[in-house]
C-alpha atoms as a PDB file:
ATOM      1  CA  MET A   1     -23.178   5.681  14.965  1.00  0.00           C
ATOM      2  CA  SER A   2     -20.023   3.684  14.215  1.00  0.00           C
ATOM      3  CA  LEU A   3     -17.016   5.083  12.417  1.00  0.00           C
ATOM      4  CA  THR A   4     -16.295   3.076   9.270  1.00  0.00           C
ATOM      5  CA  VAL A   5     -12.790   1.805   8.571  1.00  0.00           C
ATOM      6  CA  VAL A   6     -10.952  -0.016   5.778  1.00  0.00           C
ATOM      7  CA  VAL A   7      -7.877  -1.998   6.859  1.00  0.00           C
ATOM      8  CA  VAL A   8      -5.086  -2.483   4.309  1.00  0.00           C
ATOM      9  CA  ASP A   9      -2.104  -4.783   4.860  1.00  0.00           C
ATOM     10  CA  ASP A  10      -0.613  -7.638   2.866  1.00  0.00           C
ATOM     11  CA  GLU A  11      -0.321  -9.741   6.044  1.00  0.00           C
ATOM     12  CA  PRO A  12      -3.638 -11.436   6.931  1.00  0.00           C
ATOM     13  CA  ASP A  13      -2.658 -11.715  10.598  1.00  0.00           C
ATOM     14  CA  VAL A  14      -2.033  -7.970  10.832  1.00  0.00           C
ATOM     15  CA  ARG A  15      -5.376  -7.208   9.179  1.00  0.00           C
ATOM     16  CA  ALA A  16      -7.109  -9.558  11.619  1.00  0.00           C
ATOM     17  CA  LEU A  17      -5.395  -7.952  14.615  1.00  0.00           C
ATOM     18  CA  VAL A  18      -6.279  -4.413  13.513  1.00  0.00           C
ATOM     19  CA  ARG A  19      -9.883  -5.456  12.780  1.00  0.00           C
ATOM     20  CA  HIS A  20     -10.148  -7.132  16.182  1.00  0.00           C
ATOM     21  CA  GLN A  21      -8.840  -4.088  18.074  1.00  0.00           C
ATOM     22  CA  LEU A  22     -11.131  -1.685  16.257  1.00  0.00           C
ATOM     23  CA  GLU A  23     -14.293  -3.789  16.458  1.00  0.00           C
ATOM     24  CA  ARG A  24     -13.626  -4.745  20.080  1.00  0.00           C
ATOM     25  CA  ASP A  25     -13.548  -1.035  20.937  1.00  0.00           C
ATOM     26  CA  GLY A  26     -17.189  -0.692  19.867  1.00  0.00           C
ATOM     27  CA  ARG A  27     -16.880   2.647  18.028  1.00  0.00           C
ATOM     28  CA  PHE A  28     -15.865   1.169  14.681  1.00  0.00           C
ATOM     29  CA  ASP A  29     -17.241  -0.914  11.851  1.00  0.00           C
ATOM     30  CA  VAL A  30     -14.555  -2.415   9.596  1.00  0.00           C
ATOM     31  CA  VAL A  31     -16.293  -2.283   6.218  1.00  0.00           C
ATOM     32  CA  GLY A  32     -13.485  -3.836   4.201  1.00  0.00           C
ATOM     33  CA  GLU A  33     -10.028  -5.369   4.151  1.00  0.00           C
ATOM     34  CA  ALA A  34      -7.500  -5.154   1.337  1.00  0.00           C
ATOM     35  CA  GLU A  35      -4.149  -6.834   0.786  1.00  0.00           C
ATOM     36  CA  ASP A  36      -2.724  -4.301  -1.659  1.00  0.00           C
ATOM     37  CA  GLY A  37      -3.129  -0.721  -2.829  1.00  0.00           C
ATOM     38  CA  GLU A  38      -5.309  -1.626  -5.834  1.00  0.00           C
ATOM     39  CA  GLN A  39      -7.894  -3.307  -3.633  1.00  0.00           C
ATOM     40  CA  ALA A  40      -7.652  -0.439  -1.138  1.00  0.00           C
ATOM     41  CA  VAL A  41      -8.582   2.216  -3.699  1.00  0.00           C
ATOM     42  CA  ARG A  42     -11.565   0.157  -4.878  1.00  0.00           C
ATOM     43  CA  LEU A  43     -12.831  -0.357  -1.316  1.00  0.00           C
ATOM     44  CA  VAL A  44     -12.410   3.313  -0.421  1.00  0.00           C
ATOM     45  CA  GLU A  45     -14.245   4.334  -3.586  1.00  0.00           C
ATOM     46  CA  GLN A  46     -17.051   1.896  -2.751  1.00  0.00           C
ATOM     47  CA  HIS A  47     -17.441   2.690   0.972  1.00  0.00           C
ATOM     48  CA  HIS A  48     -16.047   6.225   1.506  1.00  0.00           C
ATOM     49  CA  PRO A  49     -14.984   5.171   5.018  1.00  0.00           C
ATOM     50  CA  ASP A  50     -14.222   7.550   7.842  1.00  0.00           C
ATOM     51  CA  ALA A  51     -10.704   6.097   8.069  1.00  0.00           C
ATOM     52  CA  VAL A  52      -8.196   3.825   6.361  1.00  0.00           C
ATOM     53  CA  VAL A  53      -5.423   2.035   8.252  1.00  0.00           C
ATOM     54  CA  LEU A  54      -2.853   1.653   5.468  1.00  0.00           C
ATOM     55  CA  ASP A  55       0.383  -0.319   5.267  1.00  0.00           C
ATOM     56  CA  LEU A  56       3.036   1.274   3.038  1.00  0.00           C
ATOM     57  CA  TRP A  57       4.932  -1.690   1.625  1.00  0.00           C
ATOM     58  CA  MET A  58       2.772  -4.246  -0.164  1.00  0.00           C
ATOM     59  CA  PRO A  59       2.967  -6.202  -3.412  1.00  0.00           C
ATOM     60  CA  VAL A  60       1.022  -5.225  -6.553  1.00  0.00           C
ATOM     61  CA  ARG A  61       0.639  -1.568  -5.512  1.00  0.00           C
ATOM     62  CA  SER A  62       2.184  -0.036  -2.410  1.00  0.00           C
ATOM     63  CA  GLY A  63       0.415   2.179   0.070  1.00  0.00           C
ATOM     64  CA  LEU A  64       2.515   5.116  -1.116  1.00  0.00           C
ATOM     65  CA  GLU A  65       1.383   4.506  -4.700  1.00  0.00           C
ATOM     66  CA  ALA A  66      -2.275   4.151  -3.669  1.00  0.00           C
ATOM     67  CA  LEU A  67      -2.392   7.048  -1.216  1.00  0.00           C
ATOM     68  CA  PRO A  68      -2.972   9.863  -3.753  1.00  0.00           C
ATOM     69  CA  ASP A  69      -5.871   7.931  -5.306  1.00  0.00           C
ATOM     70  CA  ILE A  70      -7.382   7.152  -1.895  1.00  0.00           C
ATOM     71  CA  VAL A  71      -7.322  10.859  -1.047  1.00  0.00           C
ATOM     72  CA  LYS A  72      -8.757  11.748  -4.463  1.00  0.00           C
ATOM     73  CA  VAL A  73     -11.714   9.322  -4.371  1.00  0.00           C
ATOM     74  CA  SER A  74     -12.674  10.076  -0.756  1.00  0.00           C
ATOM     75  CA  LYS A  75     -11.482  13.494   0.389  1.00  0.00           C
ATOM     76  CA  ASP A  76     -13.010  13.232   3.880  1.00  0.00           C
ATOM     77  CA  THR A  77     -11.419   9.859   4.685  1.00  0.00           C
ATOM     78  CA  ARG A  78      -8.657  10.033   7.292  1.00  0.00           C
ATOM     79  CA  VAL A  79      -5.629   7.912   6.378  1.00  0.00           C
ATOM     80  CA  ILE A  80      -3.506   6.415   9.131  1.00  0.00           C
ATOM     81  CA  VAL A  81      -0.337   4.907   7.728  1.00  0.00           C
ATOM     82  CA  TYR A  82       0.641   1.919   9.855  1.00  0.00           C
ATOM     83  CA  THR A  83       3.975   0.605   8.675  1.00  0.00           C
ATOM     84  CA  ALA A  84       7.104  -1.333   9.565  1.00  0.00           C
ATOM     85  CA  ALA A  85       9.162   1.240   7.621  1.00  0.00           C
ATOM     86  CA  THR A  86      11.381   2.988  10.143  1.00  0.00           C
ATOM     87  CA  ASP A  87      13.006   5.459   7.788  1.00  0.00           C
ATOM     88  CA  GLY A  88      11.740   8.992   8.210  1.00  0.00           C
ATOM     89  CA  GLN A  89      11.687   9.554   4.457  1.00  0.00           C
ATOM     90  CA  SER A  90       8.821   7.104   3.873  1.00  0.00           C
ATOM     91  CA  ARG A  91       6.767   8.668   6.661  1.00  0.00           C
ATOM     92  CA  ARG A  92       7.419  12.206   5.407  1.00  0.00           C
ATOM     93  CA  GLU A  93       6.430  11.137   1.895  1.00  0.00           C
ATOM     94  CA  ALA A  94       3.210   9.565   3.206  1.00  0.00           C
ATOM     95  CA  ILE A  95       2.269  12.777   5.033  1.00  0.00           C
ATOM     96  CA  ALA A  96       3.088  14.833   1.911  1.00  0.00           C
ATOM     97  CA  LEU A  97       0.809  12.551  -0.135  1.00  0.00           C
ATOM     98  CA  GLY A  98      -2.131  13.098   2.216  1.00  0.00           C
ATOM     99  CA  ALA A  99      -1.797  10.766   5.203  1.00  0.00           C
ATOM    100  CA  HIS A 100      -3.172  12.254   8.418  1.00  0.00           C
ATOM    101  CA  ALA A 101      -0.913  10.228  10.718  1.00  0.00           C
ATOM    102  CA  CYS A 102       1.960   7.834  10.331  1.00  0.00           C
ATOM    103  CA  VAL A 103       2.876   5.308  12.993  1.00  0.00           C
ATOM    104  CA  ILE A 104       5.401   2.501  13.132  1.00  0.00           C
ATOM    105  CA  LYS A 105       4.133  -1.031  13.707  1.00  0.00           C
ATOM    106  CA  GLY A 106       5.281  -1.982  17.154  1.00  0.00           C
ATOM    107  CA  GLY A 107       5.839   1.663  18.079  1.00  0.00           C
ATOM    108  CA  LEU A 108       2.144   2.173  18.786  1.00  0.00           C
ATOM    109  CA  LEU A 109       0.518  -0.205  21.180  1.00  0.00           C
ATOM    110  CA  MET A 110      -2.250  -1.966  19.314  1.00  0.00           C
ATOM    111  CA  ALA A 111      -4.611  -1.031  22.144  1.00  0.00           C
ATOM    112  CA  ASP A 112      -3.956   2.669  21.364  1.00  0.00           C
ATOM    113  CA  LEU A 113      -4.927   2.396  17.685  1.00  0.00           C
ATOM    114  CA  PRO A 114      -8.681   2.852  18.241  1.00  0.00           C
ATOM    115  CA  GLU A 115      -8.086   6.049  20.190  1.00  0.00           C
ATOM    116  CA  LEU A 116      -5.848   7.449  17.449  1.00  0.00           C
ATOM    117  CA  VAL A 117      -8.402   6.647  14.740  1.00  0.00           C
ATOM    118  CA  ALA A 118     -11.252   8.125  16.794  1.00  0.00           C
ATOM    119  CA  ARG A 119      -9.279  11.296  17.510  1.00  0.00           C
ATOM    120  CA  LEU A 120      -8.467  11.804  13.815  1.00  0.00           C
ATOM    121  CA  CYS A 121     -12.077  11.204  12.774  1.00  0.00           C
ATOM    122  CA  GLY A 122     -13.607  13.324  15.520  1.00  0.00           C
ATOM    123  CA  PRO A 123     -15.028  16.814  15.180  1.00  0.00           C
END
């Protein structure tokens, strides 16, 4: 059985790269993509995915603004914040709001992302 994932980033190329890495791994089914926090909450409410890969800084509604609602509508969903924000404050805030992991874009090899998601969603 595949783990379901929603990918959220305002950059289409980043979403495509994350989707490709996860689906190529074979353990994941990307059930939705969102370009802002509003869309993310709707997709999580609709699919109740095993995981969300969530960018923090996006137009319309940021990942930080959407995170509490994502956690509220799908308590069992694991949220992996994947962001270019290098300040520790944003990452600490994301964890305080319910993120299960917070990694810096470029700091985590894209090839390692599937393993991180699988580990967080595992038993």
